[in-house]
Amino acid sequence: MTAIVAEMCAAVSEGGFVILPETAGHGGARERLLDSAMGAGRRRKSSEKLRSGRLPSEGLAFAAADPSGQLCATVRLWDVMAGTDHDGRAVSALLLGPLAVDPRWEGLGLGTALMRRAIGEAAARGHGAILLVGDASYYGRFGFHSGPACMLAMPGPVERERFLALELAVGYLDGASGVLTGCGRRSAERASMATAA
């Protein structure tokens, strides 16, 4: 069985579209999609400082493909340190983003399907919380709100009401305070993994 067929077997179908783990082969199409959906200024956002030079959290990058196999939506989760707790211990969390849907496919529920898959997989892997910068009116339906992130900050300017959190474990972010920092696998690891394979 080829890798593509194996991915399709493990994927979730949503109305003719398929939600599957992102692969290295999605790279170029994903970048074009993000440029189209979010514009050239996307690389200047505070969230990008946390993602720069890093790979997504293991097993937490997803794509939606149309019936012809064309990439039409994407989401990734990234490892971050969410400040420290009351005892000074570092608090690990995930940062979601960007979530993007090709404008030609908006309104079909692909963003919702990707969010559900990402949240479910993050919970299954034992992560305690997900943070993001986005519209509360959209992300609130998934349980995100500003309360758990009230003592945390991004490493750059962000509208406070757009800095949201979802606790996957009750009270996980209680007492967490400080500025988010990126952690996890460095992007250079991708090249070394490919060489070793």
Protein backbone atom coordinates (compact mmCIF):
# COMPACT_ATOMS: atom_id res chain seq x y z
CA MET A 1 0.00 0.00 0.00
CA THR A 2 1.46 3.39 -0.94
CA ALA A 3 1.92 6.16 1.64
CA ILE A 4 -0.83 8.22 -0.01
CA VAL A 5 -3.32 5.34 0.14
CA ALA A 6 -2.40 4.71 3.79
CA GLU A 7 -3.02 8.39 4.57
CA MET A 8 -6.38 8.29 2.85
CA CYS A 9 -7.39 5.21 4.85
CA ALA A 10 -6.52 7.03 8.08
CA ALA A 11 -8.23 10.24 6.97
CA VAL A 12 -11.62 11.60 7.87
CA SER A 13 -13.97 12.39 4.98
CA GLU A 14 -16.01 15.62 5.18
CA GLY A 15 -18.57 16.04 2.39
CA GLY A 16 -16.30 14.78 -0.40
CA PHE A 17 -13.24 16.47 1.10
CA VAL A 18 -10.63 14.52 3.03
CA ILE A 19 -8.95 15.67 6.26
CA LEU A 20 -5.54 14.03 6.54
CA PRO A 21 -2.17 14.54 8.19
CA GLU A 22 -0.05 17.11 6.39
CA THR A 23 2.94 15.70 4.52
CA ALA A 24 6.13 17.25 3.14
CA GLY A 25 4.44 17.09 -0.28
CA HIS A 26 1.87 19.68 0.85
CA GLY A 27 4.57 22.33 1.47
CA GLY A 28 4.37 24.40 -1.72
CA ALA A 29 0.59 24.23 -2.02
CA ARG A 30 0.25 25.17 1.66
CA GLU A 31 2.43 28.27 1.25
CA ARG A 32 0.46 29.39 -1.81
CA LEU A 33 -2.81 28.83 0.05
CA LEU A 34 -1.63 30.88 3.04
CA ASP A 35 -0.47 33.72 0.77
CA SER A 36 -3.84 33.69 -1.01
CA ALA A 37 -5.97 33.48 2.13
CA MET A 38 -3.95 35.71 4.47
CA GLY A 39 -1.89 38.04 2.32
CA ALA A 40 1.80 38.87 2.27
CA GLY A 41 1.69 40.46 5.75
CA ARG A 42 1.13 37.10 7.39
CA ARG A 43 4.84 36.69 8.09
CA ARG A 44 4.94 39.85 10.23
CA LYS A 45 2.46 38.59 12.83
CA SER A 46 3.48 37.96 16.45
CA SER A 47 2.55 34.29 16.08
CA GLU A 48 5.15 33.92 13.33
CA LYS A 49 7.90 34.77 15.82
CA LEU A 50 6.96 31.63 17.75
CA ARG A 51 6.82 29.43 14.65
CA SER A 52 9.90 30.71 12.85
CA GLY A 53 12.55 28.04 12.40
CA ARG A 54 10.43 25.32 13.98
CA LEU A 55 8.36 22.35 12.87
CA PRO A 56 4.76 21.84 13.97
CA SER A 57 4.13 19.73 17.03
CA GLU A 58 4.53 16.03 16.26
CA GLY A 59 1.40 14.70 14.53
CA LEU A 60 -0.48 18.01 14.75
CA ALA A 61 -0.46 19.41 11.21
CA PHE A 62 -3.51 18.72 9.04
CA ALA A 63 -4.70 19.44 5.53
CA ALA A 64 -8.01 19.22 3.71
CA ALA A 65 -7.97 18.03 0.12
CA ASP A 66 -10.73 18.15 -2.46
CA PRO A 67 -11.78 15.00 -4.37
CA SER A 68 -9.01 15.63 -6.94
CA GLY A 69 -6.36 15.76 -4.18
CA GLN A 70 -5.85 19.53 -4.33
CA LEU A 71 -5.00 21.15 -0.97
CA CYS A 72 -7.84 23.46 0.02
CA ALA A 73 -7.38 24.10 3.77
CA THR A 74 -4.68 23.78 6.42
CA VAL A 75 -4.06 24.05 10.16
CA ARG A 76 -1.03 23.42 12.36
CA LEU A 77 -0.34 23.32 16.09
CA TRP A 78 3.04 24.38 17.49
CA ASP A 79 4.82 23.66 20.77
CA VAL A 80 5.23 26.72 23.00
CA MET A 81 6.08 27.50 26.59
CA ALA A 82 3.22 29.45 28.15
CA GLY A 83 5.14 31.24 30.87
CA THR A 84 5.46 29.73 34.32
CA ASP A 85 3.04 28.61 37.01
CA HIS A 86 2.79 29.79 40.66
CA ASP A 87 5.76 27.61 41.57
CA GLY A 88 7.96 28.91 38.74
CA ARG A 89 7.68 25.76 36.63
CA ALA A 90 7.47 26.18 32.86
CA VAL A 91 4.02 25.52 31.39
CA SER A 92 3.95 23.77 28.01
CA ALA A 93 1.09 24.41 25.60
CA LEU A 94 0.24 24.49 21.91
CA LEU A 95 -0.22 27.48 19.61
CA LEU A 96 -2.75 27.00 16.82
CA GLY A 97 -2.27 28.65 13.49
CA PRO A 98 -2.60 29.57 10.92
CA LEU A 99 -5.96 28.07 10.05
CA ALA A 100 -6.69 28.88 6.42
CA VAL A 101 -9.25 27.82 3.83
CA ASP A 102 -8.85 28.50 0.12
CA PRO A 103 -11.33 31.32 -0.62
CA ARG A 104 -12.87 29.16 -3.37
CA TRP A 105 -13.91 26.60 -0.74
CA GLU A 106 -15.09 28.86 2.09
CA GLY A 107 -18.46 28.17 3.70
CA LEU A 108 -18.29 24.38 3.36
CA GLY A 109 -17.23 23.67 6.95
CA LEU A 110 -13.61 22.82 6.20
CA GLY A 111 -12.29 25.17 8.89
CA THR A 112 -14.61 23.58 11.44
CA ALA A 113 -13.58 20.07 10.39
CA LEU A 114 -9.89 20.95 10.68
CA MET A 115 -10.39 22.57 14.09
CA ARG A 116 -12.23 19.53 15.43
CA ARG A 117 -9.54 17.18 14.14
CA ALA A 118 -6.71 19.31 15.55
CA ILE A 119 -8.33 19.74 18.98
CA GLY A 120 -9.24 16.06 19.19
CA GLU A 121 -5.76 14.90 18.26
CA ALA A 122 -4.11 17.37 20.66
CA ALA A 123 -6.29 16.06 23.49
CA ALA A 124 -5.57 12.44 22.53
CA ARG A 125 -1.83 13.18 22.66
CA GLY A 126 -2.15 14.51 26.21
CA HIS A 127 -1.62 18.24 25.64
CA GLY A 128 -3.09 20.52 28.31
CA ALA A 129 -4.02 23.70 26.43
CA ILE A 130 -4.18 25.37 23.03
CA LEU A 131 -3.63 29.11 22.53
CA LEU A 132 -4.33 31.20 19.45
CA VAL A 133 -4.80 34.71 18.15
CA GLY A 134 -8.13 35.05 16.35
CA ASP A 135 -11.74 36.16 16.41
CA ALA A 136 -13.59 35.11 19.55
CA SER A 137 -16.83 35.00 17.56
CA TYR A 138 -15.40 32.20 15.40
CA TYR A 139 -13.20 30.28 17.84
CA GLY A 140 -15.65 30.54 20.74
CA ARG A 141 -17.72 27.74 19.19
CA PHE A 142 -14.80 25.39 19.92
CA GLY A 143 -14.50 26.54 23.54
CA PHE A 144 -11.77 29.17 23.16
CA HIS A 145 -12.03 32.33 25.27
CA SER A 146 -9.71 34.96 26.70
CA GLY A 147 -10.01 34.04 30.39
CA PRO A 148 -7.33 31.31 30.64
CA ALA A 149 -4.84 33.48 28.73
CA CYS A 150 -5.38 36.63 30.81
CA MET A 151 -1.92 36.54 32.44
CA LEU A 152 -0.08 35.42 29.30
CA ALA A 153 1.27 37.55 26.45
CA MET A 154 2.49 37.12 22.91
CA PRO A 155 6.05 38.19 21.98
CA GLY A 156 4.75 41.19 20.07
CA PRO A 157 1.68 43.37 19.68
CA VAL A 158 -1.69 41.58 19.73
CA GLU A 159 -5.20 42.84 20.39
CA ARG A 160 -5.87 41.46 23.88
CA GLU A 161 -9.42 40.29 23.10
CA ARG A 162 -8.07 38.16 20.23
CA PHE A 163 -5.62 36.20 22.43
CA LEU A 164 -7.64 33.09 23.30
CA ALA A 165 -7.13 29.74 25.00
CA LEU A 166 -8.80 26.35 25.24
CA GLU A 167 -7.90 24.22 28.24
CA LEU A 168 -7.91 20.54 27.31
CA ALA A 169 -7.38 19.71 30.99
CA VAL A 170 -9.51 21.63 33.49
CA GLY A 171 -7.52 24.44 35.13
CA TYR A 172 -4.38 23.65 33.13
CA LEU A 173 -3.44 27.33 32.71
CA ASP A 174 -4.37 28.38 36.27
CA GLY A 175 -1.60 30.68 37.44
CA ALA A 176 0.30 30.56 34.15
CA SER A 177 1.87 33.94 33.44
CA GLY A 178 4.55 35.37 31.18
CA VAL A 179 5.39 35.74 27.50
CA LEU A 180 4.99 32.78 25.16
CA THR A 181 8.20 31.35 23.73
CA GLY A 182 8.65 28.85 20.92
CA CYS A 183 9.99 25.40 21.66
CA GLY A 184 9.88 21.98 20.06
CA ARG A 185 11.60 20.62 17.01
CA ARG A 186 13.76 22.92 14.90
CA SER A 187 13.14 22.94 11.15
CA ALA A 188 16.74 21.80 10.54
CA GLU A 189 15.66 18.43 11.99
CA ARG A 190 13.53 17.81 8.89
CA ALA A 191 16.62 17.74 6.68
CA SER A 192 18.50 15.42 9.06
CA MET A 193 15.50 13.08 9.36
CA ALA A 194 15.22 12.90 5.58
CA THR A 195 18.95 12.11 5.31
CA ALA A 196 18.70 9.36 7.92
CA ALA A 197 15.71 7.69 6.23
